Amino acid sequence: MQLKLGYLEMVKRAEAEIETLSPTLALQRQQESNAVIVDLRDIREIQREGRIPGSLNVPRGMLEFWLDPESPYHKEIFASGRPFIFHCSKGWRSALSTQTAQTMGLPAVAHIGGGYEAWVAQGLPTEVLPAK
């Protein structure tokens, strides 16, 4: 099957429209501006690999619904006026999600280039979820 547009081209196009932060700059911005770090990974990824301390898990499939005040699934944190920094594992889902959030009108949103893998590679803080 031949697609009109593959995921890598979609990510590339998204990254041309959004702000991409290095992991170090993302941490600095979070500390200076009280930005919310949004983890778009599946809960199983987070349980297996850990997370950025204080990050908010938003299942990728629910993002648009949690953002929209008209949605029955809306989460008030997205109406807080705080800046948001999205990430996933490699930065692909977060690039597409940041573009979507920007298109929907979320005013201050960026993403971490390279995702959680880049964050870990730079030795930045992580935490393990407590066992259930």
N, C-alpha and C. Protein backbone atom coordinates (compact mmCIF):
# COMPACT_ATOMS: atom_id res chain seq x y z
N MET A 1 0.84 -1.18 0.00
CA MET A 1 0.00 0.00 0.00
C MET A 1 0.89 1.24 0.00
N GLN A 2 0.58 2.17 -0.82
CA GLN A 2 1.33 3.42 -0.91
C GLN A 2 0.52 4.53 -0.25
N LEU A 3 1.09 5.15 0.77
CA LEU A 3 0.43 6.28 1.42
C LEU A 3 0.81 7.57 0.73
N LYS A 4 -0.04 8.56 0.85
CA LYS A 4 0.27 9.88 0.30
C LYS A 4 1.32 10.59 1.14
N LEU A 5 1.31 10.30 2.42
CA LEU A 5 2.20 10.99 3.35
C LEU A 5 2.55 10.05 4.49
N GLY A 6 3.84 9.78 4.70
CA GLY A 6 4.28 8.91 5.77
C GLY A 6 4.47 9.67 7.08
N TYR A 7 4.64 8.92 8.15
CA TYR A 7 4.74 9.55 9.47
C TYR A 7 5.96 10.45 9.60
N LEU A 8 7.10 10.06 9.01
CA LEU A 8 8.30 10.90 9.14
C LEU A 8 8.12 12.24 8.46
N GLU A 9 7.46 12.26 7.32
CA GLU A 9 7.17 13.53 6.65
C GLU A 9 6.18 14.35 7.46
N MET A 10 5.21 13.69 8.07
CA MET A 10 4.26 14.41 8.93
C MET A 10 4.98 15.04 10.12
N VAL A 11 5.89 14.30 10.74
CA VAL A 11 6.66 14.83 11.86
C VAL A 11 7.52 16.01 11.40
N LYS A 12 8.16 15.86 10.27
CA LYS A 12 9.00 16.93 9.72
C LYS A 12 8.18 18.20 9.49
N ARG A 13 7.01 18.05 8.92
CA ARG A 13 6.13 19.21 8.68
C ARG A 13 5.68 19.84 9.99
N ALA A 14 5.35 19.00 10.95
CA ALA A 14 4.94 19.53 12.25
C ALA A 14 6.07 20.32 12.89
N GLU A 15 7.28 19.76 12.85
CA GLU A 15 8.42 20.43 13.48
C GLU A 15 8.75 21.76 12.83
N ALA A 16 8.35 21.96 11.59
CA ALA A 16 8.56 23.24 10.93
C ALA A 16 7.61 24.31 11.46
N GLU A 17 6.55 23.90 12.14
CA GLU A 17 5.52 24.82 12.62
C GLU A 17 5.53 25.03 14.13
N ILE A 18 6.26 24.22 14.85
CA ILE A 18 6.18 24.24 16.31
C ILE A 18 7.53 24.58 16.93
N GLU A 19 7.52 24.83 18.23
CA GLU A 19 8.76 25.08 18.96
C GLU A 19 9.27 23.77 19.53
N THR A 20 10.53 23.48 19.24
CA THR A 20 11.19 22.29 19.75
C THR A 20 12.25 22.71 20.76
N LEU A 21 12.20 22.12 21.94
CA LEU A 21 13.16 22.43 23.00
C LEU A 21 14.10 21.25 23.22
N SER A 22 15.34 21.55 23.55
CA SER A 22 16.24 20.49 24.01
C SER A 22 15.75 20.07 25.39
N PRO A 23 16.11 18.88 25.84
CA PRO A 23 15.71 18.47 27.19
C PRO A 23 16.16 19.46 28.27
N THR A 24 17.38 19.96 28.16
CA THR A 24 17.90 20.90 29.16
C THR A 24 17.09 22.19 29.17
N LEU A 25 16.79 22.71 28.00
CA LEU A 25 15.99 23.93 27.90
C LEU A 25 14.57 23.69 28.39
N ALA A 26 14.03 22.51 28.14
CA ALA A 26 12.69 22.18 28.63
C ALA A 26 12.66 22.19 30.16
N LEU A 27 13.67 21.60 30.79
CA LEU A 27 13.74 21.59 32.25
C LEU A 27 13.86 23.02 32.77
N GLN A 28 14.71 23.81 32.15
CA GLN A 28 14.89 25.20 32.57
C GLN A 28 13.57 25.97 32.43
N ARG A 29 12.90 25.81 31.32
CA ARG A 29 11.63 26.52 31.11
C ARG A 29 10.59 26.06 32.13
N GLN A 30 10.56 24.77 32.40
CA GLN A 30 9.60 24.26 33.38
C GLN A 30 9.86 24.88 34.75
N GLN A 31 11.10 25.00 35.13
CA GLN A 31 11.45 25.56 36.43
C GLN A 31 11.17 27.06 36.49
N GLU A 32 11.41 27.76 35.40
CA GLU A 32 11.27 29.22 35.39
C GLU A 32 9.83 29.69 35.17
N SER A 33 9.04 28.92 34.44
CA SER A 33 7.71 29.41 34.07
C SER A 33 6.57 28.56 34.62
N ASN A 34 6.89 27.55 35.42
CA ASN A 34 5.88 26.64 35.95
C ASN A 34 5.12 25.92 34.83
N ALA A 35 5.83 25.65 33.73
CA ALA A 35 5.22 24.93 32.61
C ALA A 35 4.84 23.52 33.04
N VAL A 36 3.78 23.03 32.45
CA VAL A 36 3.33 21.66 32.69
C VAL A 36 4.01 20.76 31.66
N ILE A 37 4.74 19.76 32.13
CA ILE A 37 5.32 18.78 31.23
C ILE A 37 4.30 17.67 31.03
N VAL A 38 3.90 17.49 29.78
CA VAL A 38 2.85 16.54 29.42
C VAL A 38 3.48 15.32 28.76
N ASP A 39 3.28 14.18 29.38
CA ASP A 39 3.81 12.90 28.89
C ASP A 39 2.72 12.20 28.09
N LEU A 40 2.93 12.08 26.79
CA LEU A 40 1.94 11.50 25.89
C LEU A 40 2.08 9.99 25.72
N ARG A 41 3.04 9.40 26.42
CA ARG A 41 3.26 7.96 26.26
C ARG A 41 2.14 7.16 26.92
N ASP A 42 2.00 5.95 26.46
CA ASP A 42 1.07 5.00 27.04
C ASP A 42 1.53 4.68 28.47
N ILE A 43 0.58 4.43 29.35
CA ILE A 43 0.91 4.15 30.75
C ILE A 43 1.88 2.98 30.88
N ARG A 44 1.80 2.01 29.98
CA ARG A 44 2.73 0.88 30.04
C ARG A 44 4.17 1.32 29.76
N GLU A 45 4.35 2.29 28.87
CA GLU A 45 5.69 2.82 28.62
C GLU A 45 6.22 3.52 29.88
N ILE A 46 5.36 4.27 30.52
CA ILE A 46 5.76 5.00 31.73
C ILE A 46 6.11 4.02 32.84
N GLN A 47 5.31 2.99 33.02
CA GLN A 47 5.59 1.99 34.05
C GLN A 47 6.91 1.27 33.77
N ARG A 48 7.20 1.02 32.52
CA ARG A 48 8.41 0.30 32.13
C ARG A 48 9.66 1.19 32.19
N GLU A 49 9.55 2.45 31.77
CA GLU A 49 10.72 3.30 31.56
C GLU A 49 10.89 4.42 32.57
N GLY A 50 9.86 4.71 33.35
CA GLY A 50 9.92 5.85 34.26
C GLY A 50 9.34 7.09 33.61
N ARG A 51 9.41 8.20 34.35
CA ARG A 51 8.84 9.45 33.85
C ARG A 51 9.61 10.64 34.37
N ILE A 52 9.31 11.79 33.80
CA ILE A 52 9.86 13.05 34.29
C ILE A 52 9.07 13.41 35.55
N PRO A 53 9.75 13.71 36.66
CA PRO A 53 9.04 14.02 37.89
C PRO A 53 8.03 15.15 37.70
N GLY A 54 6.82 14.93 38.21
CA GLY A 54 5.78 15.94 38.15
C GLY A 54 5.06 16.04 36.82
N SER A 55 5.41 15.19 35.87
CA SER A 55 4.77 15.27 34.55
C SER A 55 3.32 14.78 34.63
N LEU A 56 2.52 15.27 33.70
CA LEU A 56 1.11 14.91 33.60
C LEU A 56 0.95 13.92 32.46
N ASN A 57 0.43 12.74 32.74
CA ASN A 57 0.19 11.77 31.67
C ASN A 57 -1.13 12.08 30.98
N VAL A 58 -1.05 12.31 29.69
CA VAL A 58 -2.23 12.52 28.85
C VAL A 58 -2.20 11.46 27.76
N PRO A 59 -3.09 10.49 27.82
CA PRO A 59 -3.09 9.48 26.76
C PRO A 59 -3.24 10.15 25.40
N ARG A 60 -2.38 9.80 24.47
CA ARG A 60 -2.38 10.45 23.15
C ARG A 60 -3.76 10.44 22.51
N GLY A 61 -4.49 9.39 22.68
CA GLY A 61 -5.82 9.29 22.08
C GLY A 61 -6.86 10.20 22.70
N MET A 62 -6.54 10.82 23.85
CA MET A 62 -7.49 11.70 24.52
C MET A 62 -7.12 13.17 24.43
N LEU A 63 -5.97 13.49 23.86
CA LEU A 63 -5.47 14.87 23.89
C LEU A 63 -6.50 15.89 23.42
N GLU A 64 -7.04 15.72 22.24
CA GLU A 64 -7.97 16.71 21.69
C GLU A 64 -9.20 16.88 22.59
N PHE A 65 -9.64 15.79 23.19
CA PHE A 65 -10.82 15.83 24.04
C PHE A 65 -10.52 16.50 25.38
N TRP A 66 -9.33 16.30 25.92
CA TRP A 66 -8.96 16.94 27.17
C TRP A 66 -8.70 18.42 26.98
N LEU A 67 -8.23 18.82 25.79
CA LEU A 67 -7.96 20.23 25.51
C LEU A 67 -9.23 21.06 25.33
N ASP A 68 -10.22 20.51 24.68
CA ASP A 68 -11.40 21.26 24.25
C ASP A 68 -12.38 21.51 25.39
N PRO A 69 -12.61 22.79 25.76
CA PRO A 69 -13.56 23.09 26.84
C PRO A 69 -14.99 22.62 26.54
N GLU A 70 -15.31 22.39 25.28
CA GLU A 70 -16.64 21.92 24.91
C GLU A 70 -16.79 20.40 25.04
N SER A 71 -15.69 19.72 25.27
CA SER A 71 -15.71 18.26 25.37
C SER A 71 -16.13 17.83 26.77
N PRO A 72 -16.88 16.75 26.88
CA PRO A 72 -17.22 16.24 28.21
C PRO A 72 -15.99 15.69 28.95
N TYR A 73 -14.87 15.53 28.25
CA TYR A 73 -13.65 15.00 28.85
C TYR A 73 -12.62 16.10 29.17
N HIS A 74 -13.00 17.36 28.97
CA HIS A 74 -12.07 18.48 29.17
C HIS A 74 -11.44 18.45 30.56
N LYS A 75 -10.14 18.76 30.60
CA LYS A 75 -9.40 18.87 31.86
C LYS A 75 -9.04 20.33 32.09
N GLU A 76 -9.41 20.86 33.24
CA GLU A 76 -9.24 22.28 33.56
C GLU A 76 -7.79 22.75 33.46
N ILE A 77 -6.84 21.88 33.68
CA ILE A 77 -5.44 22.31 33.62
C ILE A 77 -5.11 22.94 32.27
N PHE A 78 -5.80 22.51 31.21
CA PHE A 78 -5.52 23.07 29.89
C PHE A 78 -6.14 24.45 29.69
N ALA A 79 -6.93 24.91 30.65
CA ALA A 79 -7.48 26.26 30.62
C ALA A 79 -6.80 27.14 31.66
N SER A 80 -5.71 26.66 32.23
CA SER A 80 -5.04 27.35 33.34
C SER A 80 -4.19 28.53 32.91
N GLY A 81 -3.88 28.63 31.63
CA GLY A 81 -2.99 29.69 31.16
C GLY A 81 -1.51 29.36 31.32
N ARG A 82 -1.21 28.21 31.90
CA ARG A 82 0.19 27.82 32.05
C ARG A 82 0.75 27.35 30.71
N PRO A 83 2.06 27.49 30.51
CA PRO A 83 2.67 26.92 29.31
C PRO A 83 2.75 25.40 29.42
N PHE A 84 2.82 24.74 28.27
CA PHE A 84 2.88 23.29 28.22
C PHE A 84 4.07 22.84 27.39
N ILE A 85 4.70 21.76 27.84
CA ILE A 85 5.81 21.14 27.12
C ILE A 85 5.45 19.67 26.96
N PHE A 86 5.23 19.25 25.73
CA PHE A 86 4.83 17.88 25.44
C PHE A 86 6.07 17.01 25.19
N HIS A 87 5.95 15.75 25.53
CA HIS A 87 6.98 14.79 25.14
C HIS A 87 6.38 13.40 25.02
N CYS A 88 7.08 12.57 24.28
CA CYS A 88 6.74 11.15 24.16
C CYS A 88 8.06 10.40 24.28
N SER A 89 8.21 9.29 23.65
CA SER A 89 9.45 8.52 23.76
C SER A 89 10.56 9.10 22.89
N LYS A 90 10.27 9.34 21.61
CA LYS A 90 11.28 9.79 20.65
C LYS A 90 11.06 11.22 20.14
N GLY A 91 9.89 11.79 20.43
CA GLY A 91 9.57 13.13 19.96
C GLY A 91 8.68 13.16 18.73
N TRP A 92 8.29 12.01 18.24
CA TRP A 92 7.43 11.97 17.05
C TRP A 92 5.98 12.27 17.41
N ARG A 93 5.44 11.53 18.37
CA ARG A 93 4.05 11.76 18.79
C ARG A 93 3.89 13.15 19.37
N SER A 94 4.91 13.60 20.11
CA SER A 94 4.80 14.92 20.73
C SER A 94 4.86 16.04 19.69
N ALA A 95 5.62 15.85 18.62
CA ALA A 95 5.64 16.86 17.55
C ALA A 95 4.25 16.98 16.93
N LEU A 96 3.65 15.85 16.59
CA LEU A 96 2.31 15.87 16.00
C LEU A 96 1.28 16.41 16.98
N SER A 97 1.41 16.05 18.25
CA SER A 97 0.46 16.52 19.26
C SER A 97 0.61 18.01 19.53
N THR A 98 1.84 18.50 19.51
CA THR A 98 2.07 19.93 19.71
C THR A 98 1.45 20.71 18.56
N GLN A 99 1.62 20.22 17.35
CA GLN A 99 1.01 20.86 16.18
C GLN A 99 -0.52 20.88 16.33
N THR A 100 -1.09 19.77 16.76
CA THR A 100 -2.54 19.70 16.96
C THR A 100 -3.00 20.69 18.02
N ALA A 101 -2.31 20.73 19.15
CA ALA A 101 -2.68 21.64 20.24
C ALA A 101 -2.59 23.10 19.78
N GLN A 102 -1.55 23.39 19.03
CA GLN A 102 -1.37 24.74 18.49
C GLN A 102 -2.52 25.08 17.53
N THR A 103 -2.87 24.15 16.67
CA THR A 103 -3.97 24.35 15.72
C THR A 103 -5.28 24.57 16.45
N MET A 104 -5.47 23.87 17.57
CA MET A 104 -6.69 24.02 18.35
C MET A 104 -6.72 25.34 19.12
N GLY A 105 -5.56 25.99 19.29
CA GLY A 105 -5.53 27.28 19.95
C GLY A 105 -4.87 27.31 21.31
N LEU A 106 -4.22 26.23 21.73
CA LEU A 106 -3.47 26.26 22.99
C LEU A 106 -2.33 27.24 22.80
N PRO A 107 -2.27 28.32 23.61
CA PRO A 107 -1.36 29.42 23.29
C PRO A 107 0.13 29.17 23.50
N ALA A 108 0.50 28.47 24.52
CA ALA A 108 1.93 28.32 24.82
C ALA A 108 2.26 26.84 24.92
N VAL A 109 2.69 26.27 23.81
CA VAL A 109 2.98 24.83 23.79
C VAL A 109 4.22 24.58 22.94
N ALA A 110 5.08 23.72 23.46
CA ALA A 110 6.31 23.31 22.76
C ALA A 110 6.47 21.82 23.00
N HIS A 111 7.52 21.24 22.41
CA HIS A 111 7.78 19.83 22.69
C HIS A 111 9.28 19.60 22.84
N ILE A 112 9.61 18.47 23.46
CA ILE A 112 11.00 18.10 23.70
C ILE A 112 11.50 17.28 22.52
N GLY A 113 12.45 17.83 21.79
CA GLY A 113 13.05 17.11 20.67
C GLY A 113 13.78 15.87 21.19
N GLY A 114 13.52 14.74 20.57
CA GLY A 114 14.14 13.49 21.00
C GLY A 114 13.40 12.81 22.12
N GLY A 115 12.41 13.49 22.71
CA GLY A 115 11.53 12.90 23.71
C GLY A 115 12.22 12.44 24.99
N TYR A 116 11.57 11.50 25.64
CA TYR A 116 12.05 10.97 26.91
C TYR A 116 13.41 10.31 26.75
N GLU A 117 13.65 9.68 25.61
CA GLU A 117 14.96 9.05 25.39
C GLU A 117 16.08 10.08 25.46
N ALA A 118 15.87 11.25 24.87
CA ALA A 118 16.89 12.32 24.91
C ALA A 118 17.03 12.86 26.33
N TRP A 119 15.92 12.99 27.04
CA TRP A 119 15.93 13.46 28.43
C TRP A 119 16.80 12.53 29.28
N VAL A 120 16.57 11.24 29.17
CA VAL A 120 17.33 10.24 29.93
C VAL A 120 18.80 10.27 29.52
N ALA A 121 19.07 10.36 28.23
CA ALA A 121 20.44 10.37 27.72
C ALA A 121 21.24 11.55 28.26
N GLN A 122 20.55 12.64 28.58
CA GLN A 122 21.24 13.81 29.14
C GLN A 122 21.35 13.75 30.65
N GLY A 123 20.88 12.68 31.25
CA GLY A 123 21.02 12.49 32.68
C GLY A 123 20.12 13.38 33.52
N LEU A 124 19.01 13.82 32.95
CA LEU A 124 18.09 14.69 33.68
C LEU A 124 17.21 13.86 34.61
N PRO A 125 16.56 14.50 35.59
CA PRO A 125 15.82 13.75 36.61
C PRO A 125 14.69 12.89 36.04
N THR A 126 14.58 11.69 36.58
CA THR A 126 13.48 10.79 36.25
C THR A 126 13.01 10.14 37.54
N GLU A 127 11.84 9.53 37.47
CA GLU A 127 11.34 8.77 38.62
C GLU A 127 10.61 7.54 38.11
N VAL A 128 10.55 6.55 38.97
CA VAL A 128 9.85 5.31 38.66
C VAL A 128 8.49 5.38 39.33
N LEU A 129 7.46 4.94 38.64
CA LEU A 129 6.14 4.89 39.25
C LEU A 129 6.14 3.85 40.37
N PRO A 130 5.46 4.15 41.47
CA PRO A 130 5.38 3.16 42.54
C PRO A 130 4.64 1.91 42.06
N ALA A 131 5.06 0.77 42.53
CA ALA A 131 4.40 -0.49 42.18
C ALA A 131 3.01 -0.52 42.78
N LYS A 132 2.10 -1.13 42.04
CA LYS A 132 0.71 -1.23 42.55
C LYS A 132 0.52 -2.49 43.33
